[in-house]
Amino acid sequence: MSTIIALANQKGGVAKTTSTHNIGVGLAEQGKKVLLIDLDSQASLTISVGIEPLDIEKNIVNVLDKTKCEVSECIQKIRENLHIITSTIDLASLEMEMLSRASREKILDRALEPIKGEYDFILVDCPPQLSILTINALSCADGVIIPTKTDYLSYRGIELLMDTISEIRELINPRLEVLGTIATLYNMRSNDDKDILNGLKSKYNVMGVVKMLVSAKKGIYDGLSVVEKEPNNDISIEYIKIADMLIKENYEREVS
């Protein structure tokens, strides 16, 4: 069965999509078969892998709506071992319709059932809010990774997400595990960033620290992750280490 991991944070701009893309590539490069799911109506992950959202006829909307479209029909191949279910702006309107459906928290889980044995890892890029879509991702996931900027508001926001995760674990998905956080957009020269990072380390499992570097955005225009574009870059090395942790199922790491 697939290991399903949701990358979630109700705050935007925390490198959630960047993390999903690079970890996915890191896993694929080590021979793991990976499915990325873009669960955000902004379709940032779709665009990041080099796909124009409107060019894809069947996407995450078809997976979640009532048309009974087979999930396998909605999967696009990015490269060897790496596939994606793309998103589109239409997901925003579908979200409202999902609220009126029975067992609405498990819509994604039921839809993915036919392909759970076909992938080693399924990574879900969640929207930047605690919506029914995020709840669906957490309700079908084995683990959740929380990318967070090293600023005070992002740090404080983790508590709200943790409360939601606790409720989902208690009421819907008892196997859900918080694997850890990824400290992103870290500015080594900022004392505030250093203080927040220390706070994260004291309270949560920090799986990696991703520095604030321009190279994180370089590959987006040609659909490449940093791991593909600059494999020896500091950002790439961090994401490859996180991918290794997922493969080994050892999520704790001493971060310098």
C-alpha atoms as a PDB file:
ATOM      1  CA  MET A   1       0.000   0.000   0.000  1.00  0.00           C
ATOM      2  CA  SER A   2       1.059   3.567  -0.637  1.00  0.00           C
ATOM      3  CA  THR A   3       2.351   5.803   2.112  1.00  0.00           C
ATOM      4  CA  ILE A   4       0.202   8.936   1.870  1.00  0.00           C
ATOM      5  CA  ILE A   5       1.754  12.160   3.154  1.00  0.00           C
ATOM      6  CA  ALA A   6      -0.012  15.510   3.322  1.00  0.00           C
ATOM      7  CA  LEU A   7       2.055  18.696   3.270  1.00  0.00           C
ATOM      8  CA  ALA A   8      -0.115  21.172   5.108  1.00  0.00           C
ATOM      9  CA  ASN A   9      -0.080  24.621   6.647  1.00  0.00           C
ATOM     10  CA  GLN A  10      -3.004  27.040   6.777  1.00  0.00           C
ATOM     11  CA  LYS A  11      -0.612  29.903   6.007  1.00  0.00           C
ATOM     12  CA  GLY A  12       0.410  30.625   2.434  1.00  0.00           C
ATOM     13  CA  GLY A  13       3.911  31.462   1.260  1.00  0.00           C
ATOM     14  CA  VAL A  14       5.677  28.859   3.397  1.00  0.00           C
ATOM     15  CA  ALA A  15       7.217  26.869   0.484  1.00  0.00           C
ATOM     16  CA  LYS A  16       4.672  24.086   0.805  1.00  0.00           C
ATOM     17  CA  THR A  17       4.454  23.512  -2.941  1.00  0.00           C
ATOM     18  CA  THR A  18       8.243  23.763  -3.342  1.00  0.00           C
ATOM     19  CA  SER A  19       8.638  21.166  -0.601  1.00  0.00           C
ATOM     20  CA  THR A  20       6.085  18.792  -2.140  1.00  0.00           C
ATOM     21  CA  HIS A  21       7.721  19.022  -5.579  1.00  0.00           C
ATOM     22  CA  ASN A  22      11.308  18.573  -4.400  1.00  0.00           C
ATOM     23  CA  ILE A  23      10.569  15.749  -1.972  1.00  0.00           C
ATOM     24  CA  GLY A  24       8.600  14.003  -4.718  1.00  0.00           C
ATOM     25  CA  VAL A  25      11.518  14.283  -7.140  1.00  0.00           C
ATOM     26  CA  GLY A  26      13.933  13.150  -4.423  1.00  0.00           C
ATOM     27  CA  LEU A  27      11.859  10.018  -3.831  1.00  0.00           C
ATOM     28  CA  ALA A  28      11.471   9.313  -7.562  1.00  0.00           C
ATOM     29  CA  GLU A  29      15.211   9.625  -8.146  1.00  0.00           C
ATOM     30  CA  GLN A  30      15.740   6.860  -5.590  1.00  0.00           C
ATOM     31  CA  GLY A  31      13.499   4.514  -7.532  1.00  0.00           C
ATOM     32  CA  LYS A  32      10.263   5.082  -5.625  1.00  0.00           C
ATOM     33  CA  LYS A  33       7.049   5.455  -7.604  1.00  0.00           C
ATOM     34  CA  VAL A  34       5.464   8.747  -6.552  1.00  0.00           C
ATOM     35  CA  LEU A  35       2.117  10.406  -7.181  1.00  0.00           C
ATOM     36  CA  LEU A  36       1.782  14.128  -6.494  1.00  0.00           C
ATOM     37  CA  ILE A  37      -1.715  15.502  -5.856  1.00  0.00           C
ATOM     38  CA  ASP A  38      -2.348  19.222  -6.313  1.00  0.00           C
ATOM     39  CA  LEU A  39      -5.205  19.987  -3.915  1.00  0.00           C
ATOM     40  CA  ASP A  40      -4.975  23.779  -4.246  1.00  0.00           C
ATOM     41  CA  SER A  41      -7.204  25.704  -6.675  1.00  0.00           C
ATOM     42  CA  GLN A  42      -4.270  28.043  -7.393  1.00  0.00           C
ATOM     43  CA  ALA A  43      -2.647  25.032  -9.116  1.00  0.00           C
ATOM     44  CA  SER A  44       0.853  26.077  -8.040  1.00  0.00           C
ATOM     45  CA  LEU A  45       2.173  22.516  -7.980  1.00  0.00           C
ATOM     46  CA  THR A  46       0.706  21.831 -11.417  1.00  0.00           C
ATOM     47  CA  ILE A  47       2.443  24.904 -12.826  1.00  0.00           C
ATOM     48  CA  SER A  48       5.694  24.088 -10.985  1.00  0.00           C
ATOM     49  CA  VAL A  49       6.022  20.721 -12.720  1.00  0.00           C
ATOM     50  CA  GLY A  50       5.594  22.394 -16.116  1.00  0.00           C
ATOM     51  CA  ILE A  51       1.924  21.724 -16.845  1.00  0.00           C
ATOM     52  CA  GLU A  52      -0.584  24.385 -17.890  1.00  0.00           C
ATOM     53  CA  PRO A  53      -3.678  23.691 -15.731  1.00  0.00           C
ATOM     54  CA  LEU A  54      -6.208  24.482 -18.444  1.00  0.00           C
ATOM     55  CA  ASP A  55      -4.545  22.063 -20.871  1.00  0.00           C
ATOM     56  CA  ILE A  56      -5.561  19.046 -18.776  1.00  0.00           C
ATOM     57  CA  GLU A  57      -9.091  17.801 -19.321  1.00  0.00           C
ATOM     58  CA  LYS A  58      -9.342  15.485 -16.299  1.00  0.00           C
ATOM     59  CA  ASN A  59      -7.907  16.672 -13.002  1.00  0.00           C
ATOM     60  CA  ILE A  60      -8.507  16.706  -9.251  1.00  0.00           C
ATOM     61  CA  VAL A  61     -11.999  18.165  -9.787  1.00  0.00           C
ATOM     62  CA  ASN A  62     -13.001  15.019 -11.683  1.00  0.00           C
ATOM     63  CA  VAL A  63     -11.536  12.889  -8.896  1.00  0.00           C
ATOM     64  CA  LEU A  64     -13.615  14.629  -6.223  1.00  0.00           C
ATOM     65  CA  ASP A  65     -16.894  15.448  -7.973  1.00  0.00           C
ATOM     66  CA  LYS A  66     -19.845  13.108  -8.500  1.00  0.00           C
ATOM     67  CA  THR A  67     -19.106  12.124 -12.108  1.00  0.00           C
ATOM     68  CA  LYS A  68     -17.526   8.842 -10.977  1.00  0.00           C
ATOM     69  CA  CYS A  69     -14.482   9.422 -13.179  1.00  0.00           C
ATOM     70  CA  GLU A  70     -11.823   6.763 -12.618  1.00  0.00           C
ATOM     71  CA  VAL A  71      -8.889   8.266 -10.719  1.00  0.00           C
ATOM     72  CA  SER A  72      -6.456   6.530 -13.093  1.00  0.00           C
ATOM     73  CA  GLU A  73      -7.846   8.651 -15.966  1.00  0.00           C
ATOM     74  CA  CYS A  74      -6.809  11.829 -14.141  1.00  0.00           C
ATOM     75  CA  ILE A  75      -3.118  10.992 -13.682  1.00  0.00           C
ATOM     76  CA  GLN A  76      -0.417  12.694 -15.788  1.00  0.00           C
ATOM     77  CA  LYS A  77       3.145  11.422 -16.163  1.00  0.00           C
ATOM     78  CA  ILE A  78       5.824  14.014 -15.365  1.00  0.00           C
ATOM     79  CA  ARG A  79       8.867  11.763 -15.673  1.00  0.00           C
ATOM     80  CA  GLU A  80       9.950   8.240 -14.765  1.00  0.00           C
ATOM     81  CA  ASN A  81       8.428   7.258 -11.391  1.00  0.00           C
ATOM     82  CA  LEU A  82       6.776  10.666 -10.944  1.00  0.00           C
ATOM     83  CA  HIS A  83       3.116  11.313 -11.768  1.00  0.00           C
ATOM     84  CA  ILE A  84       0.637  14.045 -10.834  1.00  0.00           C
ATOM     85  CA  ILE A  85      -3.084  14.703 -10.496  1.00  0.00           C
ATOM     86  CA  THR A  86      -3.301  18.331 -11.554  1.00  0.00           C
ATOM     87  CA  SER A  87      -5.532  21.096 -10.225  1.00  0.00           C
ATOM     88  CA  THR A  88      -7.505  23.972 -11.689  1.00  0.00           C
ATOM     89  CA  ILE A  89      -9.387  27.073 -10.523  1.00  0.00           C
ATOM     90  CA  ASP A  90     -12.650  25.075 -10.742  1.00  0.00           C
ATOM     91  CA  LEU A  91     -11.632  23.325  -7.533  1.00  0.00           C
ATOM     92  CA  ALA A  92     -12.659  26.442  -5.579  1.00  0.00           C
ATOM     93  CA  SER A  93     -16.327  26.101  -6.563  1.00  0.00           C
ATOM     94  CA  LEU A  94     -16.318  22.321  -6.056  1.00  0.00           C
ATOM     95  CA  GLU A  95     -15.184  22.884  -2.486  1.00  0.00           C
ATOM     96  CA  MET A  96     -18.551  24.461  -1.623  1.00  0.00           C
ATOM     97  CA  GLU A  97     -20.442  21.546  -3.167  1.00  0.00           C
ATOM     98  CA  MET A  98     -18.381  19.032  -1.160  1.00  0.00           C
ATOM     99  CA  LEU A  99     -19.680  20.498   2.103  1.00  0.00           C
ATOM    100  CA  SER A 100     -23.188  19.172   1.414  1.00  0.00           C
ATOM    101  CA  ARG A 101     -22.139  15.584   0.705  1.00  0.00           C
ATOM    102  CA  ALA A 102     -22.315  12.596   3.026  1.00  0.00           C
ATOM    103  CA  SER A 103     -19.011  11.524   4.630  1.00  0.00           C
ATOM    104  CA  ARG A 104     -17.495  14.623   3.089  1.00  0.00           C
ATOM    105  CA  GLU A 105     -14.215  14.189   4.986  1.00  0.00           C
ATOM    106  CA  LYS A 106     -13.486  10.887   3.203  1.00  0.00           C
ATOM    107  CA  ILE A 107     -14.208  11.837  -0.426  1.00  0.00           C
ATOM    108  CA  LEU A 108     -10.520  11.867  -1.401  1.00  0.00           C
ATOM    109  CA  ASP A 109      -9.777   8.706   0.554  1.00  0.00           C
ATOM    110  CA  ARG A 110     -12.521   6.781  -1.267  1.00  0.00           C
ATOM    111  CA  ALA A 111     -11.429   8.160  -4.652  1.00  0.00           C
ATOM    112  CA  LEU A 112      -7.806   7.068  -4.170  1.00  0.00           C
ATOM    113  CA  GLU A 113      -8.664   3.538  -3.082  1.00  0.00           C
ATOM    114  CA  PRO A 114      -8.149   1.925  -6.548  1.00  0.00           C
ATOM    115  CA  ILE A 115      -4.564   3.205  -6.906  1.00  0.00           C
ATOM    116  CA  LYS A 116      -3.212   2.953  -3.360  1.00  0.00           C
ATOM    117  CA  GLY A 117      -1.243  -0.160  -4.264  1.00  0.00           C
ATOM    118  CA  GLU A 118       0.325   1.337  -7.381  1.00  0.00           C
ATOM    119  CA  TYR A 119       2.576   3.936  -5.724  1.00  0.00           C
ATOM    120  CA  ASP A 120       5.184   3.851  -2.992  1.00  0.00           C
ATOM    121  CA  PHE A 121       4.344   7.404  -1.958  1.00  0.00           C
ATOM    122  CA  ILE A 122       1.417   9.748  -2.560  1.00  0.00           C
ATOM    123  CA  LEU A 123       2.218  13.380  -1.640  1.00  0.00           C
ATOM    124  CA  VAL A 124      -0.696  15.805  -1.263  1.00  0.00           C
ATOM    125  CA  ASP A 125      -0.040  19.544  -1.584  1.00  0.00           C
ATOM    126  CA  CYS A 126      -2.796  21.089   0.552  1.00  0.00           C
ATOM    127  CA  PRO A 127      -4.368  24.529   0.094  1.00  0.00           C
ATOM    128  CA  PRO A 128      -3.245  27.378   2.410  1.00  0.00           C
ATOM    129  CA  GLN A 129      -6.277  27.167   4.697  1.00  0.00           C
ATOM    130  CA  LEU A 130      -7.945  24.660   7.010  1.00  0.00           C
ATOM    131  CA  SER A 131     -10.697  23.888   4.499  1.00  0.00           C
ATOM    132  CA  ILE A 132     -12.674  20.752   3.646  1.00  0.00           C
ATOM    133  CA  LEU A 133      -9.926  19.992   1.111  1.00  0.00           C
ATOM    134  CA  THR A 134      -7.214  20.033   3.785  1.00  0.00           C
ATOM    135  CA  ILE A 135      -9.423  17.916   6.038  1.00  0.00           C
ATOM    136  CA  ASN A 136      -9.842  15.411   3.180  1.00  0.00           C
ATOM    137  CA  ALA A 137      -6.061  15.227   2.749  1.00  0.00           C
ATOM    138  CA  LEU A 138      -5.476  14.683   6.458  1.00  0.00           C
ATOM    139  CA  SER A 139      -8.302  12.131   6.633  1.00  0.00           C
ATOM    140  CA  CYS A 140      -6.605   9.850   4.094  1.00  0.00           C
ATOM    141  CA  ALA A 141      -2.962  10.477   5.070  1.00  0.00           C
ATOM    142  CA  ASP A 142      -0.614   8.286   7.052  1.00  0.00           C
ATOM    143  CA  GLY A 143       1.524  11.279   7.944  1.00  0.00           C
ATOM    144  CA  VAL A 144       1.625  15.047   7.736  1.00  0.00           C
ATOM    145  CA  ILE A 145       4.634  17.305   7.199  1.00  0.00           C
ATOM    146  CA  ILE A 146       4.287  20.981   8.120  1.00  0.00           C
ATOM    147  CA  PRO A 147       6.470  23.403   6.147  1.00  0.00           C
ATOM    148  CA  THR A 148       6.746  26.676   8.048  1.00  0.00           C
ATOM    149  CA  LYS A 149       8.613  29.927   7.616  1.00  0.00           C
ATOM    150  CA  THR A 150      10.925  30.902  10.433  1.00  0.00           C
ATOM    151  CA  ASP A 151       8.839  33.886  11.468  1.00  0.00           C
ATOM    152  CA  TYR A 152       6.681  34.405  14.536  1.00  0.00           C
ATOM    153  CA  LEU A 153       3.234  34.310  12.891  1.00  0.00           C
ATOM    154  CA  SER A 154       4.018  31.091  11.028  1.00  0.00           C
ATOM    155  CA  TYR A 155       5.339  29.561  14.233  1.00  0.00           C
ATOM    156  CA  ARG A 156       2.200  30.513  16.159  1.00  0.00           C
ATOM    157  CA  GLY A 157      -0.006  29.194  13.362  1.00  0.00           C
ATOM    158  CA  ILE A 158       1.273  25.647  13.797  1.00  0.00           C
ATOM    159  CA  GLU A 159      -0.745  25.307  17.022  1.00  0.00           C
ATOM    160  CA  LEU A 160      -4.030  25.788  15.147  1.00  0.00           C
ATOM    161  CA  LEU A 161      -3.077  23.115  12.648  1.00  0.00           C
ATOM    162  CA  MET A 162      -2.046  20.770  15.455  1.00  0.00           C
ATOM    163  CA  ASP A 163      -5.498  21.170  17.040  1.00  0.00           C
ATOM    164  CA  THR A 164      -7.125  20.224  13.732  1.00  0.00           C
ATOM    165  CA  ILE A 165      -4.823  17.230  13.337  1.00  0.00           C
ATOM    166  CA  SER A 166      -5.686  16.046  16.861  1.00  0.00           C
ATOM    167  CA  GLU A 167      -9.418  16.233  16.095  1.00  0.00           C
ATOM    168  CA  ILE A 168      -9.005  14.339  12.823  1.00  0.00           C
ATOM    169  CA  ARG A 169      -6.916  11.677  14.537  1.00  0.00           C
ATOM    170  CA  GLU A 170      -9.561  11.290  17.250  1.00  0.00           C
ATOM    171  CA  LEU A 171     -12.679  11.345  15.054  1.00  0.00           C
ATOM    172  CA  ILE A 172     -11.708  10.213  11.531  1.00  0.00           C
ATOM    173  CA  ASN A 173      -8.180   8.912  10.983  1.00  0.00           C
ATOM    174  CA  PRO A 174      -6.463   7.384  14.035  1.00  0.00           C
ATOM    175  CA  ARG A 175      -3.347   6.391  12.023  1.00  0.00           C
ATOM    176  CA  LEU A 176      -2.485  10.015  11.149  1.00  0.00           C
ATOM    177  CA  GLU A 177       0.980  10.899  12.449  1.00  0.00           C
ATOM    178  CA  VAL A 178       2.746  14.262  12.525  1.00  0.00           C
ATOM    179  CA  LEU A 179       6.102  13.414  10.963  1.00  0.00           C
ATOM    180  CA  GLY A 180       7.599  16.838  11.621  1.00  0.00           C
ATOM    181  CA  THR A 181       8.126  20.340  10.331  1.00  0.00           C
ATOM    182  CA  ILE A 182      10.373  21.780   7.643  1.00  0.00           C
ATOM    183  CA  ALA A 183      11.769  25.196   8.504  1.00  0.00           C
ATOM    184  CA  THR A 184      11.656  27.109   5.208  1.00  0.00           C
ATOM    185  CA  LEU A 185      12.899  30.425   3.833  1.00  0.00           C
ATOM    186  CA  TYR A 186      15.403  30.507   6.677  1.00  0.00           C
ATOM    187  CA  ASN A 187      17.582  33.602   6.833  1.00  0.00           C
ATOM    188  CA  MET A 188      20.808  32.680   8.621  1.00  0.00           C
ATOM    189  CA  ARG A 189      21.677  36.344   9.153  1.00  0.00           C
ATOM    190  CA  SER A 190      18.494  37.143  11.050  1.00  0.00           C
ATOM    191  CA  ASN A 191      18.487  36.749  14.823  1.00  0.00           C
ATOM    192  CA  ASP A 192      14.688  36.523  14.732  1.00  0.00           C
ATOM    193  CA  ASP A 193      14.889  33.576  12.337  1.00  0.00           C
ATOM    194  CA  LYS A 194      17.440  31.883  14.582  1.00  0.00           C
ATOM    195  CA  ASP A 195      15.190  32.363  17.619  1.00  0.00           C
ATOM    196  CA  ILE A 196      12.153  30.920  15.806  1.00  0.00           C
ATOM    197  CA  LEU A 197      14.192  27.972  14.539  1.00  0.00           C
ATOM    198  CA  ASN A 198      15.342  27.235  18.090  1.00  0.00           C
ATOM    199  CA  GLY A 199      11.713  27.450  19.214  1.00  0.00           C
ATOM    200  CA  LEU A 200      10.676  25.001  16.502  1.00  0.00           C
ATOM    201  CA  LYS A 201      13.420  22.579  17.495  1.00  0.00           C
ATOM    202  CA  SER A 202      12.412  22.719  21.155  1.00  0.00           C
ATOM    203  CA  LYS A 203       8.731  22.008  20.462  1.00  0.00           C
ATOM    204  CA  TYR A 204       8.556  20.011  17.224  1.00  0.00           C
ATOM    205  CA  ASN A 205      10.564  17.534  15.171  1.00  0.00           C
ATOM    206  CA  VAL A 206      12.408  19.626  12.582  1.00  0.00           C
ATOM    207  CA  MET A 207      13.076  17.341   9.608  1.00  0.00           C
ATOM    208  CA  GLY A 208      15.110  19.918   7.689  1.00  0.00           C
ATOM    209  CA  VAL A 209      16.054  23.570   7.348  1.00  0.00           C
ATOM    210  CA  VAL A 210      15.666  25.100   3.895  1.00  0.00           C
ATOM    211  CA  LYS A 211      17.561  28.350   3.497  1.00  0.00           C
ATOM    212  CA  MET A 212      16.236  31.406   1.713  1.00  0.00           C
ATOM    213  CA  LEU A 213      17.992  31.142  -1.665  1.00  0.00           C
ATOM    214  CA  VAL A 214      17.066  32.510  -5.080  1.00  0.00           C
ATOM    215  CA  SER A 215      17.696  29.102  -6.641  1.00  0.00           C
ATOM    216  CA  ALA A 216      14.450  27.791  -5.135  1.00  0.00           C
ATOM    217  CA  LYS A 217      12.522  29.672  -7.830  1.00  0.00           C
ATOM    218  CA  LYS A 218      14.870  29.201 -10.782  1.00  0.00           C
ATOM    219  CA  GLY A 219      13.466  25.963 -12.167  1.00  0.00           C
ATOM    220  CA  ILE A 220       9.778  26.850 -11.957  1.00  0.00           C
ATOM    221  CA  TYR A 221       9.693  28.393 -15.420  1.00  0.00           C
ATOM    222  CA  ASP A 222      10.875  25.176 -17.085  1.00  0.00           C
ATOM    223  CA  GLY A 223       9.010  22.760 -14.807  1.00  0.00           C
ATOM    224  CA  LEU A 224      12.059  21.575 -12.869  1.00  0.00           C
ATOM    225  CA  SER A 225      12.560  21.226  -9.137  1.00  0.00           C
ATOM    226  CA  VAL A 226      15.705  22.507  -7.424  1.00  0.00           C
ATOM    227  CA  VAL A 227      16.703  18.867  -6.889  1.00  0.00           C
ATOM    228  CA  GLU A 228      16.752  18.402 -10.691  1.00  0.00           C
ATOM    229  CA  LYS A 229      18.164  21.813 -11.593  1.00  0.00           C
ATOM    230  CA  GLU A 230      20.941  22.058  -9.004  1.00  0.00           C
ATOM    231  CA  PRO A 231      21.318  18.702  -7.193  1.00  0.00           C
ATOM    232  CA  ASN A 232      24.307  19.883  -5.136  1.00  0.00           C
ATOM    233  CA  ASN A 233      22.584  23.049  -3.961  1.00  0.00           C
ATOM    234  CA  ASP A 234      21.967  23.417  -0.193  1.00  0.00           C
ATOM    235  CA  ILE A 235      18.195  23.343  -0.762  1.00  0.00           C
ATOM    236  CA  SER A 236      18.436  20.161  -2.852  1.00  0.00           C
ATOM    237  CA  ILE A 237      20.582  18.441  -0.244  1.00  0.00           C
ATOM    238  CA  GLU A 238      17.997  19.191   2.457  1.00  0.00           C
ATOM    239  CA  TYR A 239      15.090  17.857   0.416  1.00  0.00           C
ATOM    240  CA  ILE A 240      17.023  14.732  -0.594  1.00  0.00           C
ATOM    241  CA  LYS A 241      17.768  14.073   3.080  1.00  0.00           C
ATOM    242  CA  ILE A 242      14.058  14.427   3.891  1.00  0.00           C
ATOM    243  CA  ALA A 243      13.220  11.987   1.079  1.00  0.00           C
ATOM    244  CA  ASP A 244      15.747   9.553   2.586  1.00  0.00           C
ATOM    245  CA  MET A 245      14.036   9.886   5.967  1.00  0.00           C
ATOM    246  CA  LEU A 246      10.673   9.024   4.420  1.00  0.00           C
ATOM    247  CA  ILE A 247      12.100   5.954   2.697  1.00  0.00           C
ATOM    248  CA  LYS A 248      13.784   4.764   5.893  1.00  0.00           C
ATOM    249  CA  GLU A 249      10.742   5.727   8.009  1.00  0.00           C
ATOM    250  CA  ASN A 250      13.112   7.486  10.372  1.00  0.00           C
ATOM    251  CA  TYR A 251      11.738  10.988  10.743  1.00  0.00           C
ATOM    252  CA  GLU A 252      13.952  12.460  13.438  1.00  0.00           C
ATOM    253  CA  ARG A 253      17.147  14.153  12.442  1.00  0.00           C
ATOM    254  CA  GLU A 254      19.747  16.288  14.157  1.00  0.00           C
ATOM    255  CA  VAL A 255      19.696  19.588  12.249  1.00  0.00           C
ATOM    256  CA  SER A 256      22.710  21.832  12.649  1.00  0.00           C
END
